[in-house]
Amino acid sequence: MNRQGNRAGADSPVKAQRDALLEQALESLERASPPQSAAHAPDPGALPTSSPTLAGLEAIRRPQPGTVCESCPNSVWFASAVELKCYCRVMYLVTWSSKEPQQISACDGMFLGGEA
């Protein structure tokens, strides 16, 4: 046999495995639930926090009710002895403060921060 014949034979199991994995992924996507609208967004308080500052605070000092900013990678949380604030690096403003709490329940900011 020539070299190409051997190579083609060696690629067949790899190609078959790759095709099977792609087929499984496509089927999984087809079964996935549709994206949630803002009206059906998950409870922000149930989202995991990505902030070491929030994670280190007592639960009583964290936003109640929760806000989507708690799990957003573009949020910068900072605390003093008397106040907790969240600065948004996408909107360039303080989005939450313990002195002026505002519950943001839906925001596209987490999808915009990586773009430049």
PDB file of N, CA and C in Angstrom:
ATOM      1  N   MET A   1       0.829  -1.190   0.000  1.00  0.00           N
ATOM      2  CA  MET A   1       0.000   0.000   0.000  1.00  0.00           C
ATOM      3  C   MET A   1       0.866   1.243   0.000  1.00  0.00           C
ATOM      4  N   ASN A   2       0.316   2.274  -0.569  1.00  0.00           N
ATOM      5  CA  ASN A   2       1.079   3.510  -0.568  1.00  0.00           C
ATOM      6  C   ASN A   2       0.836   4.273   0.726  1.00  0.00           C
ATOM      7  N   ARG A   3       1.582   5.309   0.894  1.00  0.00           N
ATOM      8  CA  ARG A   3       1.531   6.094   2.123  1.00  0.00           C
ATOM      9  C   ARG A   3       0.171   6.768   2.299  1.00  0.00           C
ATOM     10  N   GLN A   4      -0.412   7.278   1.228  1.00  0.00           N
ATOM     11  CA  GLN A   4      -1.701   7.953   1.341  1.00  0.00           C
ATOM     12  C   GLN A   4      -2.790   6.978   1.758  1.00  0.00           C
ATOM     13  N   GLY A   5      -2.737   5.751   1.252  1.00  0.00           N
ATOM     14  CA  GLY A   5      -3.728   4.746   1.626  1.00  0.00           C
ATOM     15  C   GLY A   5      -3.689   4.454   3.111  1.00  0.00           C
ATOM     16  N   ASN A   6      -2.489   4.314   3.675  1.00  0.00           N
ATOM     17  CA  ASN A   6      -2.353   4.079   5.113  1.00  0.00           C
ATOM     18  C   ASN A   6      -2.851   5.270   5.918  1.00  0.00           C
ATOM     19  N   ARG A   7      -2.522   6.451   5.450  1.00  0.00           N
ATOM     20  CA  ARG A   7      -2.922   7.661   6.173  1.00  0.00           C
ATOM     21  C   ARG A   7      -4.438   7.815   6.177  1.00  0.00           C
ATOM     22  N   ALA A   8      -5.051   7.582   5.033  1.00  0.00           N
ATOM     23  CA  ALA A   8      -6.511   7.704   4.952  1.00  0.00           C
ATOM     24  C   ALA A   8      -7.171   6.714   5.900  1.00  0.00           C
ATOM     25  N   GLY A   9      -6.623   5.493   5.984  1.00  0.00           N
ATOM     26  CA  GLY A   9      -7.180   4.504   6.883  1.00  0.00           C
ATOM     27  C   GLY A   9      -7.034   4.907   8.339  1.00  0.00           C
ATOM     28  N   ALA A  10      -5.906   5.550   8.688  1.00  0.00           N
ATOM     29  CA  ALA A  10      -5.661   5.981  10.067  1.00  0.00           C
ATOM     30  C   ALA A  10      -6.580   7.136  10.447  1.00  0.00           C
ATOM     31  N   ASP A  11      -6.951   7.985   9.472  1.00  0.00           N
ATOM     32  CA  ASP A  11      -7.801   9.128   9.757  1.00  0.00           C
ATOM     33  C   ASP A  11      -9.265   8.734   9.948  1.00  0.00           C
ATOM     34  N   SER A  12      -9.688   7.627   9.398  1.00  0.00           N
ATOM     35  CA  SER A  12     -11.097   7.230   9.441  1.00  0.00           C
ATOM     36  C   SER A  12     -11.643   7.097  10.856  1.00  0.00           C
ATOM     37  N   PRO A  13     -10.980   6.395  11.786  1.00  0.00           N
ATOM     38  CA  PRO A  13     -11.519   6.306  13.151  1.00  0.00           C
ATOM     39  C   PRO A  13     -11.554   7.675  13.842  1.00  0.00           C
ATOM     40  N   VAL A  14     -10.546   8.492  13.599  1.00  0.00           N
ATOM     41  CA  VAL A  14     -10.505   9.818  14.207  1.00  0.00           C
ATOM     42  C   VAL A  14     -11.646  10.674  13.658  1.00  0.00           C
ATOM     43  N   LYS A  15     -11.832  10.622  12.352  1.00  0.00           N
ATOM     44  CA  LYS A  15     -12.906  11.392  11.717  1.00  0.00           C
ATOM     45  C   LYS A  15     -14.263  10.907  12.212  1.00  0.00           C
ATOM     46  N   ALA A  16     -14.439   9.598  12.312  1.00  0.00           N
ATOM     47  CA  ALA A  16     -15.703   9.042  12.789  1.00  0.00           C
ATOM     48  C   ALA A  16     -15.985   9.485  14.227  1.00  0.00           C
ATOM     49  N   GLN A  17     -14.955   9.479  15.066  1.00  0.00           N
ATOM     50  CA  GLN A  17     -15.129   9.912  16.456  1.00  0.00           C
ATOM     51  C   GLN A  17     -15.481  11.395  16.517  1.00  0.00           C
ATOM     52  N   ARG A  18     -14.773  12.195  15.712  1.00  0.00           N
ATOM     53  CA  ARG A  18     -15.042  13.633  15.675  1.00  0.00           C
ATOM     54  C   ARG A  18     -16.468  13.902  15.203  1.00  0.00           C
ATOM     55  N   ASP A  19     -16.889  13.198  14.147  1.00  0.00           N
ATOM     56  CA  ASP A  19     -18.242  13.368  13.633  1.00  0.00           C
ATOM     57  C   ASP A  19     -19.289  12.990  14.679  1.00  0.00           C
ATOM     58  N   ALA A  20     -19.025  11.921  15.420  1.00  0.00           N
ATOM     59  CA  ALA A  20     -19.956  11.489  16.460  1.00  0.00           C
ATOM     60  C   ALA A  20     -20.054  12.533  17.572  1.00  0.00           C
ATOM     61  N   LEU A  21     -18.934  13.098  17.966  1.00  0.00           N
ATOM     62  CA  LEU A  21     -18.947  14.143  18.997  1.00  0.00           C
ATOM     63  C   LEU A  21     -19.684  15.387  18.526  1.00  0.00           C
ATOM     64  N   LEU A  22     -19.466  15.761  17.275  1.00  0.00           N
ATOM     65  CA  LEU A  22     -20.177  16.916  16.727  1.00  0.00           C
ATOM     66  C   LEU A  22     -21.684  16.664  16.690  1.00  0.00           C
ATOM     67  N   GLU A  23     -22.069  15.474  16.298  1.00  0.00           N
ATOM     68  CA  GLU A  23     -23.489  15.110  16.254  1.00  0.00           C
ATOM     69  C   GLU A  23     -24.102  15.181  17.655  1.00  0.00           C
ATOM     70  N   GLN A  24     -23.390  14.678  18.663  1.00  0.00           N
ATOM     71  CA  GLN A  24     -23.876  14.748  20.042  1.00  0.00           C
ATOM     72  C   GLN A  24     -24.035  16.193  20.493  1.00  0.00           C
ATOM     73  N   ALA A  25     -23.080  17.035  20.147  1.00  0.00           N
ATOM     74  CA  ALA A  25     -23.145  18.445  20.536  1.00  0.00           C
ATOM     75  C   ALA A  25     -24.334  19.136  19.882  1.00  0.00           C
ATOM     76  N   LEU A  26     -24.556  18.863  18.612  1.00  0.00           N
ATOM     77  CA  LEU A  26     -25.699  19.467  17.913  1.00  0.00           C
ATOM     78  C   LEU A  26     -27.023  19.009  18.512  1.00  0.00           C
ATOM     79  N   GLU A  27     -27.130  17.722  18.830  1.00  0.00           N
ATOM     80  CA  GLU A  27     -28.344  17.214  19.460  1.00  0.00           C
ATOM     81  C   GLU A  27     -28.568  17.866  20.813  1.00  0.00           C
ATOM     82  N   SER A  28     -27.507  18.054  21.559  1.00  0.00           N
ATOM     83  CA  SER A  28     -27.600  18.704  22.865  1.00  0.00           C
ATOM     84  C   SER A  28     -28.096  20.136  22.735  1.00  0.00           C
ATOM     85  N   LEU A  29     -27.585  20.847  21.744  1.00  0.00           N
ATOM     86  CA  LEU A  29     -28.026  22.221  21.512  1.00  0.00           C
ATOM     87  C   LEU A  29     -29.495  22.278  21.108  1.00  0.00           C
ATOM     88  N   GLU A  30     -29.927  21.324  20.315  1.00  0.00           N
ATOM     89  CA  GLU A  30     -31.322  21.290  19.891  1.00  0.00           C
ATOM     90  C   GLU A  30     -32.260  21.014  21.059  1.00  0.00           C
ATOM     91  N   ARG A  31     -31.792  20.234  22.037  1.00  0.00           N
ATOM     92  CA  ARG A  31     -32.611  19.920  23.213  1.00  0.00           C
ATOM     93  C   ARG A  31     -32.575  21.021  24.250  1.00  0.00           C
ATOM     94  N   ALA A  32     -31.592  21.905  24.190  1.00  0.00           N
ATOM     95  CA  ALA A  32     -31.427  22.942  25.212  1.00  0.00           C
ATOM     96  C   ALA A  32     -32.649  23.857  25.231  1.00  0.00           C
ATOM     97  N   SER A  33     -32.936  24.362  26.411  1.00  0.00           N
ATOM     98  CA  SER A  33     -34.069  25.274  26.535  1.00  0.00           C
ATOM     99  C   SER A  33     -33.727  26.608  25.874  1.00  0.00           C
ATOM    100  N   PRO A  34     -34.737  27.319  25.395  1.00  0.00           N
ATOM    101  CA  PRO A  34     -34.487  28.618  24.754  1.00  0.00           C
ATOM    102  C   PRO A  34     -33.964  29.618  25.766  1.00  0.00           C
ATOM    103  N   PRO A  35     -33.253  30.661  25.302  1.00  0.00           N
ATOM    104  CA  PRO A  35     -32.737  31.666  26.225  1.00  0.00           C
ATOM    105  C   PRO A  35     -33.868  32.337  26.981  1.00  0.00           C
ATOM    106  N   GLN A  36     -33.579  32.711  28.213  1.00  0.00           N
ATOM    107  CA  GLN A  36     -34.581  33.359  29.042  1.00  0.00           C
ATOM    108  C   GLN A  36     -34.664  34.826  28.712  1.00  0.00           C
ATOM    109  N   SER A  37     -35.865  35.346  28.736  1.00  0.00           N
ATOM    110  CA  SER A  37     -36.045  36.777  28.541  1.00  0.00           C
ATOM    111  C   SER A  37     -35.785  37.477  29.858  1.00  0.00           C
ATOM    112  N   ALA A  38     -35.666  38.787  29.810  1.00  0.00           N
ATOM    113  CA  ALA A  38     -35.421  39.560  31.036  1.00  0.00           C
ATOM    114  C   ALA A  38     -36.553  39.344  32.034  1.00  0.00           C
ATOM    115  N   ALA A  39     -37.766  39.142  31.524  1.00  0.00           N
ATOM    116  CA  ALA A  39     -38.909  38.930  32.412  1.00  0.00           C
ATOM    117  C   ALA A  39     -38.800  37.598  33.150  1.00  0.00           C
ATOM    118  N   HIS A  40     -38.042  36.653  32.602  1.00  0.00           N
ATOM    119  CA  HIS A  40     -37.882  35.340  33.219  1.00  0.00           C
ATOM    120  C   HIS A  40     -36.441  35.091  33.614  1.00  0.00           C
ATOM    121  N   ALA A  41     -35.717  36.140  33.921  1.00  0.00           N
ATOM    122  CA  ALA A  41     -34.309  36.021  34.307  1.00  0.00           C
ATOM    123  C   ALA A  41     -34.206  35.307  35.648  1.00  0.00           C
ATOM    124  N   PRO A  42     -33.099  34.626  35.891  1.00  0.00           N
ATOM    125  CA  PRO A  42     -32.936  33.940  37.174  1.00  0.00           C
ATOM    126  C   PRO A  42     -32.848  34.939  38.317  1.00  0.00           C
ATOM    127  N   ASP A  43     -33.173  34.472  39.496  1.00  0.00           N
ATOM    128  CA  ASP A  43     -33.086  35.311  40.686  1.00  0.00           C
ATOM    129  C   ASP A  43     -31.641  35.718  40.897  1.00  0.00           C
ATOM    130  N   PRO A  44     -31.329  37.041  40.865  1.00  0.00           N
ATOM    131  CA  PRO A  44     -29.936  37.468  41.028  1.00  0.00           C
ATOM    132  C   PRO A  44     -29.312  36.982  42.317  1.00  0.00           C
ATOM    133  N   GLY A  45     -30.104  36.842  43.367  1.00  0.00           N
ATOM    134  CA  GLY A  45     -29.573  36.384  44.635  1.00  0.00           C
ATOM    135  C   GLY A  45     -29.112  34.938  44.597  1.00  0.00           C
ATOM    136  N   ALA A  46     -29.605  34.184  43.616  1.00  0.00           N
ATOM    137  CA  ALA A  46     -29.236  32.779  43.495  1.00  0.00           C
ATOM    138  C   ALA A  46     -27.966  32.583  42.676  1.00  0.00           C
ATOM    139  N   LEU A  47     -27.491  33.638  42.014  1.00  0.00           N
ATOM    140  CA  LEU A  47     -26.294  33.536  41.188  1.00  0.00           C
ATOM    141  C   LEU A  47     -25.047  33.528  42.067  1.00  0.00           C
ATOM    142  N   PRO A  48     -24.032  32.761  41.688  1.00  0.00           N
ATOM    143  CA  PRO A  48     -22.804  32.747  42.487  1.00  0.00           C
ATOM    144  C   PRO A  48     -22.053  34.069  42.325  1.00  0.00           C
ATOM    145  N   THR A  49     -21.403  34.480  43.366  1.00  0.00           N
ATOM    146  CA  THR A  49     -20.636  35.715  43.300  1.00  0.00           C
ATOM    147  C   THR A  49     -19.259  35.448  42.716  1.00  0.00           C
ATOM    148  N   SER A  50     -18.759  36.390  41.941  1.00  0.00           N
ATOM    149  CA  SER A  50     -17.406  36.270  41.399  1.00  0.00           C
ATOM    150  C   SER A  50     -16.478  37.248  42.109  1.00  0.00           C
ATOM    151  N   SER A  51     -16.997  37.891  43.154  1.00  0.00           N
ATOM    152  CA  SER A  51     -16.244  38.922  43.857  1.00  0.00           C
ATOM    153  C   SER A  51     -15.665  38.415  45.174  1.00  0.00           C
ATOM    154  N   PRO A  52     -14.342  38.484  45.328  1.00  0.00           N
ATOM    155  CA  PRO A  52     -13.749  38.124  46.616  1.00  0.00           C
ATOM    156  C   PRO A  52     -14.201  39.074  47.732  1.00  0.00           C
ATOM    157  N   THR A  53     -14.458  40.326  47.376  1.00  0.00           N
ATOM    158  CA  THR A  53     -14.929  41.294  48.374  1.00  0.00           C
ATOM    159  C   THR A  53     -16.274  40.856  48.933  1.00  0.00           C
ATOM    160  N   LEU A  54     -17.228  40.532  48.048  1.00  0.00           N
ATOM    161  CA  LEU A  54     -18.540  40.082  48.511  1.00  0.00           C
ATOM    162  C   LEU A  54     -18.444  38.766  49.265  1.00  0.00           C
ATOM    163  N   ALA A  55     -17.645  37.855  48.747  1.00  0.00           N
ATOM    164  CA  ALA A  55     -17.508  36.546  49.388  1.00  0.00           C
ATOM    165  C   ALA A  55     -16.959  36.679  50.806  1.00  0.00           C
ATOM    166  N   GLY A  56     -16.153  37.695  51.060  1.00  0.00           N
ATOM    167  CA  GLY A  56     -15.554  37.891  52.373  1.00  0.00           C
ATOM    168  C   GLY A  56     -16.428  38.646  53.360  1.00  0.00           C
ATOM    169  N   LEU A  57     -17.549  39.165  52.895  1.00  0.00           N
ATOM    170  CA  LEU A  57     -18.451  39.919  53.776  1.00  0.00           C
ATOM    171  C   LEU A  57     -19.475  39.017  54.450  1.00  0.00           C
ATOM    172  N   GLU A  58     -19.942  39.459  55.597  1.00  0.00           N
ATOM    173  CA  GLU A  58     -21.053  38.763  56.242  1.00  0.00           C
ATOM    174  C   GLU A  58     -22.264  38.891  55.331  1.00  0.00           C
ATOM    175  N   ALA A  59     -23.132  37.898  55.350  1.00  0.00           N
ATOM    176  CA  ALA A  59     -24.317  37.886  54.481  1.00  0.00           C
ATOM    177  C   ALA A  59     -25.186  39.119  54.688  1.00  0.00           C
ATOM    178  N   ILE A  60     -25.239  39.629  55.886  1.00  0.00           N
ATOM    179  CA  ILE A  60     -26.087  40.792  56.175  1.00  0.00           C
ATOM    180  C   ILE A  60     -25.613  42.066  55.463  1.00  0.00           C
ATOM    181  N   ARG A  61     -24.342  42.095  55.074  1.00  0.00           N
ATOM    182  CA  ARG A  61     -23.797  43.285  54.385  1.00  0.00           C
ATOM    183  C   ARG A  61     -23.921  43.199  52.871  1.00  0.00           C
ATOM    184  N   ARG A  62     -24.260  42.017  52.351  1.00  0.00           N
ATOM    185  CA  ARG A  62     -24.403  41.835  50.905  1.00  0.00           C
ATOM    186  C   ARG A  62     -25.748  42.378  50.435  1.00  0.00           C
ATOM    187  N   PRO A  63     -25.873  42.670  49.130  1.00  0.00           N
ATOM    188  CA  PRO A  63     -27.144  43.195  48.602  1.00  0.00           C
ATOM    189  C   PRO A  63     -28.311  42.253  48.875  1.00  0.00           C
ATOM    190  N   GLN A  64     -29.375  42.806  49.440  1.00  0.00           N
ATOM    191  CA  GLN A  64     -30.611  42.069  49.699  1.00  0.00           C
ATOM    192  C   GLN A  64     -31.775  42.917  49.231  1.00  0.00           C
ATOM    193  N   PRO A  65     -32.558  42.541  48.261  1.00  0.00           N
ATOM    194  CA  PRO A  65     -32.405  41.340  47.456  1.00  0.00           C
ATOM    195  C   PRO A  65     -31.174  41.425  46.570  1.00  0.00           C
ATOM    196  N   GLY A  66     -30.796  40.311  45.990  1.00  0.00           N
ATOM    197  CA  GLY A  66     -29.585  40.247  45.179  1.00  0.00           C
ATOM    198  C   GLY A  66     -29.676  41.044  43.890  1.00  0.00           C
ATOM    199  N   THR A  67     -28.528  41.233  43.259  1.00  0.00           N
ATOM    200  CA  THR A  67     -28.433  41.956  42.002  1.00  0.00           C
ATOM    201  C   THR A  67     -27.519  41.190  41.046  1.00  0.00           C
ATOM    202  N   VAL A  68     -27.734  41.329  39.734  1.00  0.00           N
ATOM    203  CA  VAL A  68     -26.896  40.612  38.772  1.00  0.00           C
ATOM    204  C   VAL A  68     -25.444  41.065  38.848  1.00  0.00           C
ATOM    205  N   CYS A  69     -25.210  42.225  39.383  1.00  0.00           N
ATOM    206  CA  CYS A  69     -23.838  42.739  39.517  1.00  0.00           C
ATOM    207  C   CYS A  69     -22.974  41.812  40.377  1.00  0.00           C
ATOM    208  N   GLU A  70     -23.601  41.052  41.245  1.00  0.00           N
ATOM    209  CA  GLU A  70     -22.849  40.162  42.134  1.00  0.00           C
ATOM    210  C   GLU A  70     -22.080  39.094  41.374  1.00  0.00           C
ATOM    211  N   SER A  71     -22.557  38.699  40.204  1.00  0.00           N
ATOM    212  CA  SER A  71     -21.881  37.649  39.437  1.00  0.00           C
ATOM    213  C   SER A  71     -21.240  38.184  38.161  1.00  0.00           C
ATOM    214  N   CYS A  72     -21.249  39.488  37.958  1.00  0.00           N
ATOM    215  CA  CYS A  72     -20.711  40.070  36.731  1.00  0.00           C
ATOM    216  C   CYS A  72     -19.200  40.294  36.838  1.00  0.00           C
ATOM    217  N   PRO A  73     -18.441  39.845  35.836  1.00  0.00           N
ATOM    218  CA  PRO A  73     -16.991  40.046  35.860  1.00  0.00           C
ATOM    219  C   PRO A  73     -16.578  41.510  35.668  1.00  0.00           C
ATOM    220  N   ASN A  74     -17.507  42.368  35.261  1.00  0.00           N
ATOM    221  CA  ASN A  74     -17.195  43.788  35.073  1.00  0.00           C
ATOM    222  C   ASN A  74     -17.508  44.638  36.298  1.00  0.00           C
ATOM    223  N   SER A  75     -17.990  43.999  37.353  1.00  0.00           N
ATOM    224  CA  SER A  75     -18.294  44.712  38.592  1.00  0.00           C
ATOM    225  C   SER A  75     -17.063  44.794  39.480  1.00  0.00           C
ATOM    226  N   VAL A  76     -16.858  45.944  40.065  1.00  0.00           N
ATOM    227  CA  VAL A  76     -15.789  46.137  41.048  1.00  0.00           C
ATOM    228  C   VAL A  76     -16.477  46.496  42.363  1.00  0.00           C
ATOM    229  N   TRP A  77     -16.449  45.572  43.300  1.00  0.00           N
ATOM    230  CA  TRP A  77     -17.064  45.775  44.610  1.00  0.00           C
ATOM    231  C   TRP A  77     -16.015  46.293  45.585  1.00  0.00           C
ATOM    232  N   PHE A  78     -16.406  47.267  46.382  1.00  0.00           N
ATOM    233  CA  PHE A  78     -15.492  47.769  47.401  1.00  0.00           C
ATOM    234  C   PHE A  78     -16.275  48.115  48.655  1.00  0.00           C
ATOM    235  N   ALA A  79     -15.626  47.903  49.798  1.00  0.00           N
ATOM    236  CA  ALA A  79     -16.303  48.056  51.080  1.00  0.00           C
ATOM    237  C   ALA A  79     -15.459  48.874  52.043  1.00  0.00           C
ATOM    238  N   SER A  80     -16.168  49.634  52.858  1.00  0.00           N
ATOM    239  CA  SER A  80     -15.546  50.311  53.996  1.00  0.00           C
ATOM    240  C   SER A  80     -16.257  49.774  55.238  1.00  0.00           C
ATOM    241  N   ALA A  81     -15.929  50.318  56.377  1.00  0.00           N
ATOM    242  CA  ALA A  81     -16.575  49.860  57.609  1.00  0.00           C
ATOM    243  C   ALA A  81     -18.067  50.200  57.620  1.00  0.00           C
ATOM    244  N   VAL A  82     -18.469  51.223  56.849  1.00  0.00           N
ATOM    245  CA  VAL A  82     -19.859  51.675  56.897  1.00  0.00           C
ATOM    246  C   VAL A  82     -20.638  51.520  55.601  1.00  0.00           C
ATOM    247  N   GLU A  83     -19.945  51.220  54.489  1.00  0.00           N
ATOM    248  CA  GLU A  83     -20.660  51.181  53.210  1.00  0.00           C
ATOM    249  C   GLU A  83     -20.066  50.133  52.262  1.00  0.00           C
ATOM    250  N   LEU A  84     -20.924  49.627  51.383  1.00  0.00           N
ATOM    251  CA  LEU A  84     -20.531  48.712  50.317  1.00  0.00           C
ATOM    252  C   LEU A  84     -21.003  49.324  49.008  1.00  0.00           C
ATOM    253  N   LYS A  85     -20.135  49.309  47.989  1.00  0.00           N
ATOM    254  CA  LYS A  85     -20.491  49.871  46.682  1.00  0.00           C
ATOM    255  C   LYS A  85     -20.037  48.936  45.573  1.00  0.00           C
ATOM    256  N   CYS A  86     -20.695  49.095  44.428  1.00  0.00           N
ATOM    257  CA  CYS A  86     -20.320  48.362  43.227  1.00  0.00           C
ATOM    258  C   CYS A  86     -20.149  49.366  42.091  1.00  0.00           C
ATOM    259  N   TYR A  87     -18.989  49.321  41.455  1.00  0.00           N
ATOM    260  CA  TYR A  87     -18.713  50.174  40.302  1.00  0.00           C
ATOM    261  C   TYR A  87     -18.725  49.300  39.047  1.00  0.00           C
ATOM    262  N   CYS A  88     -19.436  49.753  38.026  1.00  0.00           N
ATOM    263  CA  CYS A  88     -19.515  49.016  36.770  1.00  0.00           C
ATOM    264  C   CYS A  88     -18.489  49.561  35.786  1.00  0.00           C
ATOM    265  N   ARG A  89     -17.615  48.677  35.293  1.00  0.00           N
ATOM    266  CA  ARG A  89     -16.575  49.081  34.343  1.00  0.00           C
ATOM    267  C   ARG A  89     -17.102  49.203  32.920  1.00  0.00           C
ATOM    268  N   VAL A  90     -18.346  48.841  32.688  1.00  0.00           N
ATOM    269  CA  VAL A  90     -18.949  48.988  31.366  1.00  0.00           C
ATOM    270  C   VAL A  90     -19.749  50.290  31.294  1.00  0.00           C
ATOM    271  N   MET A  91     -20.547  50.550  32.330  1.00  0.00           N
ATOM    272  CA  MET A  91     -21.391  51.753  32.337  1.00  0.00           C
ATOM    273  C   MET A  91     -20.707  52.961  32.981  1.00  0.00           C
ATOM    274  N   TYR A  92     -19.561  52.731  33.603  1.00  0.00           N
ATOM    275  CA  TYR A  92     -18.787  53.795  34.249  1.00  0.00           C
ATOM    276  C   TYR A  92     -19.588  54.542  35.321  1.00  0.00           C
ATOM    277  N   LEU A  93     -20.234  53.771  36.188  1.00  0.00           N
ATOM    278  CA  LEU A  93     -20.965  54.391  37.294  1.00  0.00           C
ATOM    279  C   LEU A  93     -21.134  53.408  38.433  1.00  0.00           C
ATOM    280  N   VAL A  94     -21.484  53.939  39.577  1.00  0.00           N
ATOM    281  CA  VAL A  94     -21.777  53.102  40.736  1.00  0.00           C
ATOM    282  C   VAL A  94     -23.181  52.550  40.526  1.00  0.00           C
ATOM    283  N   THR A  95     -23.278  51.231  40.416  1.00  0.00           N
ATOM    284  CA  THR A  95     -24.571  50.599  40.143  1.00  0.00           C
ATOM    285  C   THR A  95     -25.301  50.167  41.408  1.00  0.00           C
ATOM    286  N   TRP A  96     -24.571  50.025  42.501  1.00  0.00           N
ATOM    287  CA  TRP A  96     -25.209  49.620  43.749  1.00  0.00           C
ATOM    288  C   TRP A  96     -24.418  50.201  44.908  1.00  0.00           C
ATOM    289  N   SER A  97     -25.138  50.663  45.895  1.00  0.00           N
ATOM    290  CA  SER A  97     -24.532  51.186  47.118  1.00  0.00           C
ATOM    291  C   SER A  97     -25.429  50.810  48.283  1.00  0.00           C
ATOM    292  N   SER A  98     -24.837  50.481  49.411  1.00  0.00           N
ATOM    293  CA  SER A  98     -25.649  50.137  50.577  1.00  0.00           C
ATOM    294  C   SER A  98     -26.452  51.346  51.057  1.00  0.00           C
ATOM    295  N   LYS A  99     -26.002  52.554  50.723  1.00  0.00           N
ATOM    296  CA  LYS A  99     -26.749  53.761  51.095  1.00  0.00           C
ATOM    297  C   LYS A  99     -27.850  54.086  50.093  1.00  0.00           C
ATOM    298  N   GLU A 100     -27.682  53.636  48.829  1.00  0.00           N
ATOM    299  CA  GLU A 100     -28.689  53.836  47.787  1.00  0.00           C
ATOM    300  C   GLU A 100     -28.825  52.544  46.972  1.00  0.00           C
ATOM    301  N   PRO A 101     -29.389  51.492  47.574  1.00  0.00           N
ATOM    302  CA  PRO A 101     -29.475  50.209  46.867  1.00  0.00           C
ATOM    303  C   PRO A 101     -30.457  50.253  45.699  1.00  0.00           C
ATOM    304  N   GLN A 102     -30.040  49.695  44.580  1.00  0.00           N
ATOM    305  CA  GLN A 102     -30.896  49.549  43.404  1.00  0.00           C
ATOM    306  C   GLN A 102     -30.707  48.133  42.900  1.00  0.00           C
ATOM    307  N   GLN A 103     -31.796  47.416  42.797  1.00  0.00           N
ATOM    308  CA  GLN A 103     -31.688  46.030  42.351  1.00  0.00           C
ATOM    309  C   GLN A 103     -31.725  45.985  40.830  1.00  0.00           C
ATOM    310  N   ILE A 104     -30.563  45.731  40.233  1.00  0.00           N
ATOM    311  CA  ILE A 104     -30.492  45.516  38.791  1.00  0.00           C
ATOM    312  C   ILE A 104     -30.678  44.018  38.587  1.00  0.00           C
ATOM    313  N   SER A 105     -31.777  43.654  37.914  1.00  0.00           N
ATOM    314  CA  SER A 105     -32.093  42.234  37.763  1.00  0.00           C
ATOM    315  C   SER A 105     -31.690  41.670  36.406  1.00  0.00           C
ATOM    316  N   ALA A 106     -31.371  42.543  35.440  1.00  0.00           N
ATOM    317  CA  ALA A 106     -30.937  42.073  34.117  1.00  0.00           C
ATOM    318  C   ALA A 106     -30.035  43.136  33.507  1.00  0.00           C
ATOM    319  N   CYS A 107     -28.958  42.697  32.861  1.00  0.00           N
ATOM    320  CA  CYS A 107     -27.996  43.630  32.273  1.00  0.00           C
ATOM    321  C   CYS A 107     -27.167  42.892  31.226  1.00  0.00           C
ATOM    322  N   ASP A 108     -26.850  43.580  30.133  1.00  0.00           N
ATOM    323  CA  ASP A 108     -26.010  42.987  29.086  1.00  0.00           C
ATOM    324  C   ASP A 108     -24.525  43.274  29.296  1.00  0.00           C
ATOM    325  N   GLY A 109     -24.182  43.983  30.347  1.00  0.00           N
ATOM    326  CA  GLY A 109     -22.812  44.402  30.595  1.00  0.00           C
ATOM    327  C   GLY A 109     -21.795  43.279  30.636  1.00  0.00           C
ATOM    328  N   MET A 110     -22.195  42.117  31.130  1.00  0.00           N
ATOM    329  CA  MET A 110     -21.228  41.009  31.218  1.00  0.00           C
ATOM    330  C   MET A 110     -20.812  40.511  29.836  1.00  0.00           C
ATOM    331  N   PHE A 111     -21.607  40.832  28.819  1.00  0.00           N
ATOM    332  CA  PHE A 111     -21.271  40.415  27.459  1.00  0.00           C
ATOM    333  C   PHE A 111     -20.500  41.496  26.690  1.00  0.00           C
ATOM    334  N   LEU A 112     -20.451  42.709  27.228  1.00  0.00           N
ATOM    335  CA  LEU A 112     -19.829  43.828  26.521  1.00  0.00           C
ATOM    336  C   LEU A 112     -18.442  44.163  27.016  1.00  0.00           C
ATOM    337  N   GLY A 113     -18.083  43.735  28.185  1.00  0.00           N
ATOM    338  CA  GLY A 113     -16.825  44.144  28.799  1.00  0.00           C
ATOM    339  C   GLY A 113     -15.576  43.714  28.086  1.00  0.00           C
ATOM    340  N   GLY A 114     -15.585  42.589  27.388  1.00  0.00           N
ATOM    341  CA  GLY A 114     -14.391  42.082  26.730  1.00  0.00           C
ATOM    342  C   GLY A 114     -14.128  42.723  25.377  1.00  0.00           C
ATOM    343  N   GLU A 115     -15.090  43.486  24.876  1.00  0.00           N
ATOM    344  CA  GLU A 115     -14.935  44.108  23.564  1.00  0.00           C
ATOM    345  C   GLU A 115     -14.186  45.422  23.691  1.00  0.00           C
ATOM    346  N   ALA A 116     -13.359  45.711  22.731  1.00  0.00           N
ATOM    347  CA  ALA A 116     -12.640  46.978  22.778  1.00  0.00           C
ATOM    348  C   ALA A 116     -12.651  47.619  21.403  1.00  0.00           C
TER     349      ALA A 116
END
